[in-house]
Amino acid sequence: MVEKYKPEDVYITILKEQSQIYEFNSSNEDLNEFLKKDAFGYQKLRLGVTYLMCNKTTDKVISYLTLAMGSLKIPDKEEFKFRGKRLIDYTKNFSNQFPALLIGKLATEQKEEGKGCAGLLLDYAVKTAIVNFFNGTKILLRYS
């Protein structure tokens, strides 16, 4: 049985120019190339933020996730339901678009697949989105 990573075994950090990513090797060459050649440039343009999951013991990148903001277009406000109620039945006049958190890229080091890394990163993404939503801040501006 494969031993899964626990939250206390890893840490998550935002990709920086000096991040040690060049040894990262997932089973998908396109995802490897994105991390090594494009991710930081996208981040500088504020098109997405790449989060690296690293092993606390070795500091090696074992998985990554790129998040971006987007929106969902509502084609028919009269029929679309939000929390069980049609949009037109709310007192607030909603626009035809809702904000959305997009997962642009997600990859795990080939040797680490099956150990729960992607699940931990997805949990982090959801928690980040919820915290930022309720605090009224934007995820793409959070570089702490």
N, C-alpha and C. Protein backbone atom coordinates (compact mmCIF):
# COMPACT_ATOMS: atom_id res chain seq x y z
N MET A 1 0.83 -1.19 0.00
CA MET A 1 0.00 0.00 0.00
C MET A 1 0.88 1.26 0.00
N VAL A 2 0.52 2.21 -0.84
CA VAL A 2 1.27 3.47 -0.96
C VAL A 2 0.95 4.36 0.23
N GLU A 3 1.99 4.89 0.86
CA GLU A 3 1.78 5.81 1.98
C GLU A 3 1.43 7.19 1.45
N LYS A 4 0.32 7.73 1.93
CA LYS A 4 -0.17 9.04 1.49
C LYS A 4 0.51 10.16 2.29
N TYR A 5 0.66 11.29 1.62
CA TYR A 5 1.16 12.48 2.30
C TYR A 5 0.08 13.03 3.22
N LYS A 6 0.51 13.56 4.34
CA LYS A 6 -0.38 14.25 5.26
C LYS A 6 -0.04 15.74 5.21
N PRO A 7 -0.97 16.60 5.57
CA PRO A 7 -0.68 18.05 5.54
C PRO A 7 0.60 18.44 6.29
N GLU A 8 0.91 17.73 7.35
CA GLU A 8 2.11 18.08 8.13
C GLU A 8 3.41 17.63 7.44
N ASP A 9 3.31 16.84 6.36
CA ASP A 9 4.50 16.39 5.62
C ASP A 9 4.93 17.36 4.54
N VAL A 10 4.08 18.32 4.22
CA VAL A 10 4.32 19.20 3.07
C VAL A 10 4.11 20.66 3.44
N TYR A 11 4.55 21.54 2.56
CA TYR A 11 4.19 22.95 2.67
C TYR A 11 3.86 23.45 1.26
N ILE A 12 3.08 24.51 1.21
CA ILE A 12 2.66 25.08 -0.07
C ILE A 12 3.16 26.51 -0.14
N THR A 13 3.75 26.84 -1.27
CA THR A 13 4.30 28.17 -1.47
C THR A 13 3.97 28.64 -2.88
N ILE A 14 4.00 29.92 -3.08
CA ILE A 14 3.76 30.48 -4.41
C ILE A 14 5.05 30.42 -5.21
N LEU A 15 4.93 30.08 -6.47
CA LEU A 15 6.08 30.03 -7.38
C LEU A 15 6.81 31.37 -7.39
N LYS A 16 8.12 31.31 -7.25
CA LYS A 16 8.97 32.50 -7.33
C LYS A 16 10.02 32.25 -8.40
N GLU A 17 10.64 33.31 -8.85
CA GLU A 17 11.64 33.17 -9.91
C GLU A 17 12.77 32.22 -9.52
N GLN A 18 13.12 32.20 -8.24
CA GLN A 18 14.21 31.36 -7.78
C GLN A 18 13.76 29.97 -7.32
N SER A 19 12.48 29.62 -7.49
CA SER A 19 11.98 28.30 -7.09
C SER A 19 12.70 27.20 -7.85
N GLN A 20 13.00 26.13 -7.15
CA GLN A 20 13.72 24.98 -7.73
C GLN A 20 12.72 24.04 -8.39
N ILE A 21 12.41 24.32 -9.65
CA ILE A 21 11.38 23.56 -10.37
C ILE A 21 11.93 22.72 -11.51
N TYR A 22 13.20 22.86 -11.83
CA TYR A 22 13.72 22.25 -13.05
C TYR A 22 13.87 20.73 -12.98
N GLU A 23 13.84 20.15 -11.79
CA GLU A 23 13.88 18.70 -11.67
C GLU A 23 12.48 18.09 -11.68
N PHE A 24 11.45 18.92 -11.64
CA PHE A 24 10.08 18.42 -11.61
C PHE A 24 9.79 17.62 -12.89
N ASN A 25 9.21 16.42 -12.72
CA ASN A 25 8.93 15.57 -13.86
C ASN A 25 7.64 14.78 -13.63
N SER A 26 6.54 15.30 -14.16
CA SER A 26 5.28 14.56 -14.09
C SER A 26 5.21 13.62 -15.30
N SER A 27 4.16 12.86 -15.40
CA SER A 27 4.01 11.96 -16.54
C SER A 27 3.47 12.68 -17.77
N ASN A 28 3.25 14.02 -17.66
CA ASN A 28 2.71 14.80 -18.78
C ASN A 28 3.72 15.89 -19.16
N GLU A 29 4.32 15.76 -20.33
CA GLU A 29 5.37 16.69 -20.75
C GLU A 29 4.86 18.12 -20.91
N ASP A 30 3.60 18.29 -21.34
CA ASP A 30 3.04 19.64 -21.48
C ASP A 30 2.96 20.34 -20.13
N LEU A 31 2.58 19.61 -19.09
CA LEU A 31 2.50 20.20 -17.75
C LEU A 31 3.90 20.51 -17.20
N ASN A 32 4.87 19.68 -17.51
CA ASN A 32 6.26 19.95 -17.11
C ASN A 32 6.75 21.23 -17.78
N GLU A 33 6.49 21.33 -19.07
CA GLU A 33 6.94 22.50 -19.83
C GLU A 33 6.26 23.78 -19.34
N PHE A 34 4.96 23.71 -19.03
CA PHE A 34 4.27 24.89 -18.52
C PHE A 34 4.94 25.39 -17.25
N LEU A 35 5.18 24.49 -16.31
CA LEU A 35 5.79 24.90 -15.04
C LEU A 35 7.17 25.53 -15.26
N LYS A 36 7.97 24.91 -16.11
CA LYS A 36 9.35 25.36 -16.27
C LYS A 36 9.51 26.58 -17.18
N LYS A 37 8.59 26.77 -18.13
CA LYS A 37 8.78 27.84 -19.11
C LYS A 37 7.73 28.94 -19.06
N ASP A 38 6.51 28.64 -18.62
CA ASP A 38 5.43 29.61 -18.75
C ASP A 38 4.82 30.10 -17.44
N ALA A 39 4.82 29.29 -16.42
CA ALA A 39 4.07 29.60 -15.20
C ALA A 39 4.47 30.93 -14.58
N PHE A 40 5.75 31.19 -14.46
CA PHE A 40 6.17 32.45 -13.82
C PHE A 40 5.78 33.65 -14.67
N GLY A 41 5.89 33.54 -15.98
CA GLY A 41 5.47 34.62 -16.87
C GLY A 41 3.99 34.91 -16.76
N TYR A 42 3.17 33.85 -16.68
CA TYR A 42 1.73 34.03 -16.49
C TYR A 42 1.47 34.75 -15.18
N GLN A 43 2.23 34.37 -14.17
CA GLN A 43 2.05 34.97 -12.85
C GLN A 43 2.41 36.45 -12.87
N LYS A 44 3.51 36.80 -13.53
CA LYS A 44 3.92 38.21 -13.63
C LYS A 44 2.85 39.03 -14.34
N LEU A 45 2.15 38.44 -15.28
CA LEU A 45 1.07 39.13 -16.00
C LEU A 45 -0.27 39.05 -15.25
N ARG A 46 -0.26 38.39 -14.10
CA ARG A 46 -1.45 38.20 -13.27
C ARG A 46 -2.56 37.43 -14.00
N LEU A 47 -2.12 36.47 -14.81
CA LEU A 47 -3.07 35.59 -15.50
C LEU A 47 -3.38 34.36 -14.66
N GLY A 48 -2.54 34.06 -13.72
CA GLY A 48 -2.74 32.91 -12.85
C GLY A 48 -1.66 32.90 -11.79
N VAL A 49 -1.91 32.16 -10.73
CA VAL A 49 -0.95 32.01 -9.65
C VAL A 49 -0.65 30.53 -9.51
N THR A 50 0.63 30.19 -9.51
CA THR A 50 1.04 28.80 -9.38
C THR A 50 1.51 28.53 -7.96
N TYR A 51 0.91 27.51 -7.36
CA TYR A 51 1.24 27.09 -6.00
C TYR A 51 2.05 25.81 -6.09
N LEU A 52 3.15 25.76 -5.37
CA LEU A 52 4.01 24.58 -5.34
C LEU A 52 3.82 23.85 -4.02
N MET A 53 3.63 22.53 -4.09
CA MET A 53 3.61 21.72 -2.88
C MET A 53 4.98 21.07 -2.77
N CYS A 54 5.62 21.28 -1.64
CA CYS A 54 6.97 20.76 -1.44
C CYS A 54 7.02 19.83 -0.25
N ASN A 55 7.89 18.86 -0.33
CA ASN A 55 8.15 17.94 0.77
C ASN A 55 8.92 18.70 1.84
N LYS A 56 8.43 18.70 3.08
CA LYS A 56 9.08 19.45 4.16
C LYS A 56 10.50 18.96 4.44
N THR A 57 10.74 17.68 4.26
CA THR A 57 12.04 17.12 4.57
C THR A 57 13.08 17.45 3.51
N THR A 58 12.68 17.35 2.22
CA THR A 58 13.65 17.52 1.13
C THR A 58 13.54 18.86 0.40
N ASP A 59 12.47 19.60 0.64
CA ASP A 59 12.16 20.85 -0.07
C ASP A 59 11.92 20.64 -1.56
N LYS A 60 11.79 19.41 -2.00
CA LYS A 60 11.57 19.11 -3.42
C LYS A 60 10.10 19.37 -3.78
N VAL A 61 9.88 19.98 -4.97
CA VAL A 61 8.52 20.20 -5.46
C VAL A 61 7.94 18.84 -5.84
N ILE A 62 6.79 18.53 -5.25
CA ILE A 62 6.17 17.23 -5.55
C ILE A 62 4.86 17.38 -6.32
N SER A 63 4.31 18.59 -6.35
CA SER A 63 3.08 18.81 -7.09
C SER A 63 2.90 20.32 -7.27
N TYR A 64 2.09 20.71 -8.26
CA TYR A 64 1.79 22.13 -8.43
C TYR A 64 0.38 22.30 -8.95
N LEU A 65 -0.13 23.51 -8.73
CA LEU A 65 -1.48 23.87 -9.12
C LEU A 65 -1.47 25.32 -9.55
N THR A 66 -2.10 25.62 -10.69
CA THR A 66 -2.21 27.00 -11.14
C THR A 66 -3.67 27.41 -11.08
N LEU A 67 -3.94 28.52 -10.40
CA LEU A 67 -5.30 29.04 -10.25
C LEU A 67 -5.43 30.37 -10.97
N ALA A 68 -6.62 30.62 -11.50
CA ALA A 68 -6.92 31.89 -12.15
C ALA A 68 -8.38 32.23 -11.86
N MET A 69 -8.71 33.48 -12.04
CA MET A 69 -10.10 33.91 -11.88
C MET A 69 -10.79 33.89 -13.24
N GLY A 70 -12.04 33.58 -13.21
CA GLY A 70 -12.84 33.57 -14.43
C GLY A 70 -14.27 33.90 -14.09
N SER A 71 -15.16 33.58 -15.00
CA SER A 71 -16.58 33.80 -14.74
C SER A 71 -17.40 32.78 -15.50
N LEU A 72 -18.58 32.55 -14.99
CA LEU A 72 -19.54 31.66 -15.63
C LEU A 72 -20.67 32.52 -16.17
N LYS A 73 -20.93 32.38 -17.44
CA LYS A 73 -22.01 33.15 -18.05
C LYS A 73 -23.33 32.40 -17.87
N ILE A 74 -24.35 33.14 -17.44
CA ILE A 74 -25.68 32.58 -17.25
C ILE A 74 -26.49 32.88 -18.50
N PRO A 75 -26.84 31.85 -19.29
CA PRO A 75 -27.52 32.11 -20.56
C PRO A 75 -28.96 32.60 -20.41
N ASP A 76 -29.66 32.15 -19.36
CA ASP A 76 -31.08 32.50 -19.23
C ASP A 76 -31.39 32.78 -17.77
N LYS A 77 -31.44 34.07 -17.39
CA LYS A 77 -31.68 34.44 -16.00
C LYS A 77 -33.07 34.01 -15.51
N GLU A 78 -34.00 33.86 -16.42
CA GLU A 78 -35.35 33.48 -16.01
C GLU A 78 -35.44 32.02 -15.59
N GLU A 79 -34.58 31.18 -16.13
CA GLU A 79 -34.61 29.76 -15.82
C GLU A 79 -33.51 29.32 -14.86
N PHE A 80 -32.41 30.06 -14.80
CA PHE A 80 -31.28 29.67 -13.97
C PHE A 80 -31.64 29.79 -12.50
N LYS A 81 -31.31 28.73 -11.73
CA LYS A 81 -31.57 28.73 -10.29
C LYS A 81 -30.27 28.83 -9.52
N PHE A 82 -30.31 29.67 -8.48
CA PHE A 82 -29.20 29.86 -7.57
C PHE A 82 -29.71 29.57 -6.18
N ARG A 83 -29.15 28.54 -5.55
CA ARG A 83 -29.60 28.08 -4.23
C ARG A 83 -31.10 27.78 -4.22
N GLY A 84 -31.55 27.13 -5.30
CA GLY A 84 -32.93 26.67 -5.38
C GLY A 84 -33.95 27.71 -5.78
N LYS A 85 -33.51 28.91 -6.10
CA LYS A 85 -34.41 30.00 -6.44
C LYS A 85 -33.99 30.61 -7.77
N ARG A 86 -34.96 30.92 -8.62
CA ARG A 86 -34.63 31.54 -9.90
C ARG A 86 -33.99 32.92 -9.66
N LEU A 87 -33.01 33.26 -10.48
CA LEU A 87 -32.31 34.54 -10.32
C LEU A 87 -33.27 35.72 -10.38
N ILE A 88 -34.25 35.66 -11.26
CA ILE A 88 -35.16 36.80 -11.40
C ILE A 88 -36.08 36.97 -10.19
N ASP A 89 -36.15 35.95 -9.31
CA ASP A 89 -36.98 36.04 -8.12
C ASP A 89 -36.26 36.69 -6.93
N TYR A 90 -34.97 36.94 -7.05
CA TYR A 90 -34.22 37.63 -6.00
C TYR A 90 -34.48 39.14 -6.10
N THR A 91 -34.40 39.82 -4.96
CA THR A 91 -34.57 41.28 -4.99
C THR A 91 -33.36 41.96 -5.61
N LYS A 92 -32.20 41.33 -5.49
CA LYS A 92 -30.99 41.87 -6.11
C LYS A 92 -31.03 41.54 -7.60
N ASN A 93 -30.62 42.48 -8.40
CA ASN A 93 -30.55 42.25 -9.84
C ASN A 93 -29.16 41.70 -10.18
N PHE A 94 -29.06 40.38 -10.32
CA PHE A 94 -27.78 39.74 -10.63
C PHE A 94 -27.40 39.98 -12.09
N SER A 95 -26.11 40.06 -12.33
CA SER A 95 -25.62 40.15 -13.72
C SER A 95 -25.73 38.77 -14.36
N ASN A 96 -25.38 38.70 -15.61
CA ASN A 96 -25.42 37.41 -16.31
C ASN A 96 -24.14 36.62 -16.12
N GLN A 97 -23.26 37.05 -15.23
CA GLN A 97 -22.02 36.34 -14.99
C GLN A 97 -21.75 36.22 -13.49
N PHE A 98 -21.18 35.08 -13.11
CA PHE A 98 -20.77 34.84 -11.74
C PHE A 98 -19.27 34.61 -11.72
N PRO A 99 -18.58 35.10 -10.69
CA PRO A 99 -17.13 34.86 -10.60
C PRO A 99 -16.87 33.36 -10.39
N ALA A 100 -15.72 32.90 -10.88
CA ALA A 100 -15.36 31.49 -10.73
C ALA A 100 -13.86 31.37 -10.53
N LEU A 101 -13.47 30.38 -9.77
CA LEU A 101 -12.06 30.05 -9.58
C LEU A 101 -11.74 28.93 -10.57
N LEU A 102 -10.75 29.15 -11.41
CA LEU A 102 -10.39 28.18 -12.44
C LEU A 102 -9.10 27.46 -12.06
N ILE A 103 -9.10 26.16 -12.20
CA ILE A 103 -7.88 25.38 -12.04
C ILE A 103 -7.29 25.25 -13.44
N GLY A 104 -6.20 25.97 -13.67
CA GLY A 104 -5.59 25.98 -14.99
C GLY A 104 -4.72 24.76 -15.22
N LYS A 105 -3.89 24.44 -14.27
CA LYS A 105 -2.95 23.32 -14.39
C LYS A 105 -2.85 22.62 -13.05
N LEU A 106 -2.65 21.32 -13.10
CA LEU A 106 -2.46 20.51 -11.89
C LEU A 106 -1.61 19.32 -12.28
N ALA A 107 -0.48 19.15 -11.61
CA ALA A 107 0.42 18.04 -11.94
C ALA A 107 1.15 17.58 -10.68
N THR A 108 1.52 16.31 -10.70
CA THR A 108 2.27 15.71 -9.60
C THR A 108 3.50 15.03 -10.17
N GLU A 109 4.59 15.14 -9.45
CA GLU A 109 5.83 14.45 -9.80
C GLU A 109 5.50 12.97 -10.03
N GLN A 110 6.03 12.42 -11.11
CA GLN A 110 5.72 11.05 -11.51
C GLN A 110 5.95 10.05 -10.38
N LYS A 111 7.04 10.18 -9.66
CA LYS A 111 7.37 9.24 -8.58
C LYS A 111 6.46 9.41 -7.36
N GLU A 112 5.70 10.51 -7.32
CA GLU A 112 4.85 10.81 -6.16
C GLU A 112 3.36 10.56 -6.44
N GLU A 113 3.03 10.15 -7.65
CA GLU A 113 1.63 9.92 -8.02
C GLU A 113 0.99 8.88 -7.10
N GLY A 114 -0.27 9.10 -6.78
CA GLY A 114 -1.01 8.18 -5.93
C GLY A 114 -0.83 8.39 -4.44
N LYS A 115 -0.11 9.42 -4.07
CA LYS A 115 0.17 9.68 -2.65
C LYS A 115 -0.69 10.81 -2.08
N GLY A 116 -1.68 11.27 -2.83
CA GLY A 116 -2.62 12.26 -2.32
C GLY A 116 -2.23 13.72 -2.49
N CYS A 117 -1.16 13.99 -3.24
CA CYS A 117 -0.69 15.37 -3.40
C CYS A 117 -1.73 16.25 -4.07
N ALA A 118 -2.31 15.78 -5.16
CA ALA A 118 -3.30 16.59 -5.88
C ALA A 118 -4.50 16.90 -4.99
N GLY A 119 -4.93 15.93 -4.21
CA GLY A 119 -6.05 16.15 -3.30
C GLY A 119 -5.74 17.21 -2.26
N LEU A 120 -4.53 17.19 -1.72
CA LEU A 120 -4.13 18.22 -0.75
C LEU A 120 -4.10 19.60 -1.39
N LEU A 121 -3.61 19.67 -2.62
CA LEU A 121 -3.59 20.97 -3.32
C LEU A 121 -5.00 21.46 -3.63
N LEU A 122 -5.88 20.57 -4.02
CA LEU A 122 -7.26 20.98 -4.29
C LEU A 122 -7.95 21.46 -3.01
N ASP A 123 -7.70 20.78 -1.90
CA ASP A 123 -8.24 21.25 -0.62
C ASP A 123 -7.73 22.66 -0.32
N TYR A 124 -6.45 22.89 -0.56
CA TYR A 124 -5.86 24.21 -0.33
C TYR A 124 -6.53 25.26 -1.22
N ALA A 125 -6.75 24.91 -2.50
CA ALA A 125 -7.38 25.85 -3.44
C ALA A 125 -8.78 26.23 -2.98
N VAL A 126 -9.55 25.26 -2.53
CA VAL A 126 -10.92 25.54 -2.07
C VAL A 126 -10.88 26.41 -0.82
N LYS A 127 -10.01 26.09 0.12
CA LYS A 127 -9.90 26.90 1.34
C LYS A 127 -9.46 28.32 1.01
N THR A 128 -8.51 28.46 0.10
CA THR A 128 -8.05 29.78 -0.31
C THR A 128 -9.19 30.59 -0.92
N ALA A 129 -9.96 29.95 -1.78
CA ALA A 129 -11.08 30.63 -2.42
C ALA A 129 -12.12 31.06 -1.39
N ILE A 130 -12.44 30.20 -0.45
CA ILE A 130 -13.45 30.52 0.56
C ILE A 130 -12.97 31.67 1.45
N VAL A 131 -11.73 31.58 1.93
CA VAL A 131 -11.18 32.64 2.79
C VAL A 131 -11.19 33.97 2.05
N ASN A 132 -10.73 33.97 0.81
CA ASN A 132 -10.67 35.21 0.04
C ASN A 132 -12.05 35.74 -0.29
N PHE A 133 -12.99 34.86 -0.55
CA PHE A 133 -14.36 35.29 -0.84
C PHE A 133 -14.96 35.99 0.37
N PHE A 134 -14.83 35.37 1.54
CA PHE A 134 -15.45 35.95 2.72
C PHE A 134 -14.68 37.15 3.26
N ASN A 135 -13.42 37.29 2.93
CA ASN A 135 -12.65 38.46 3.34
C ASN A 135 -12.75 39.59 2.33
N GLY A 136 -13.34 39.31 1.18
CA GLY A 136 -13.54 40.34 0.17
C GLY A 136 -12.28 40.72 -0.60
N THR A 137 -11.28 39.84 -0.60
CA THR A 137 -10.07 40.12 -1.36
C THR A 137 -10.04 39.28 -2.62
N LYS A 138 -9.12 39.60 -3.50
CA LYS A 138 -9.00 38.85 -4.75
C LYS A 138 -7.82 37.90 -4.65
N ILE A 139 -8.01 36.69 -5.10
CA ILE A 139 -6.98 35.66 -5.01
C ILE A 139 -5.72 36.05 -5.77
N LEU A 140 -5.85 36.64 -6.95
CA LEU A 140 -4.68 36.94 -7.75
C LEU A 140 -3.79 38.01 -7.14
N LEU A 141 -4.30 38.72 -6.15
CA LEU A 141 -3.49 39.76 -5.51
C LEU A 141 -2.88 39.28 -4.21
N ARG A 142 -3.05 38.03 -3.88
CA ARG A 142 -2.57 37.49 -2.61
C ARG A 142 -1.20 36.84 -2.79
N TYR A 143 -0.14 37.59 -2.53
CA TYR A 143 1.22 37.10 -2.72
C TYR A 143 1.99 37.13 -1.41
N SER A 144 1.45 36.51 -0.38
CA SER A 144 2.16 36.55 0.91
C SER A 144 3.03 35.33 1.10
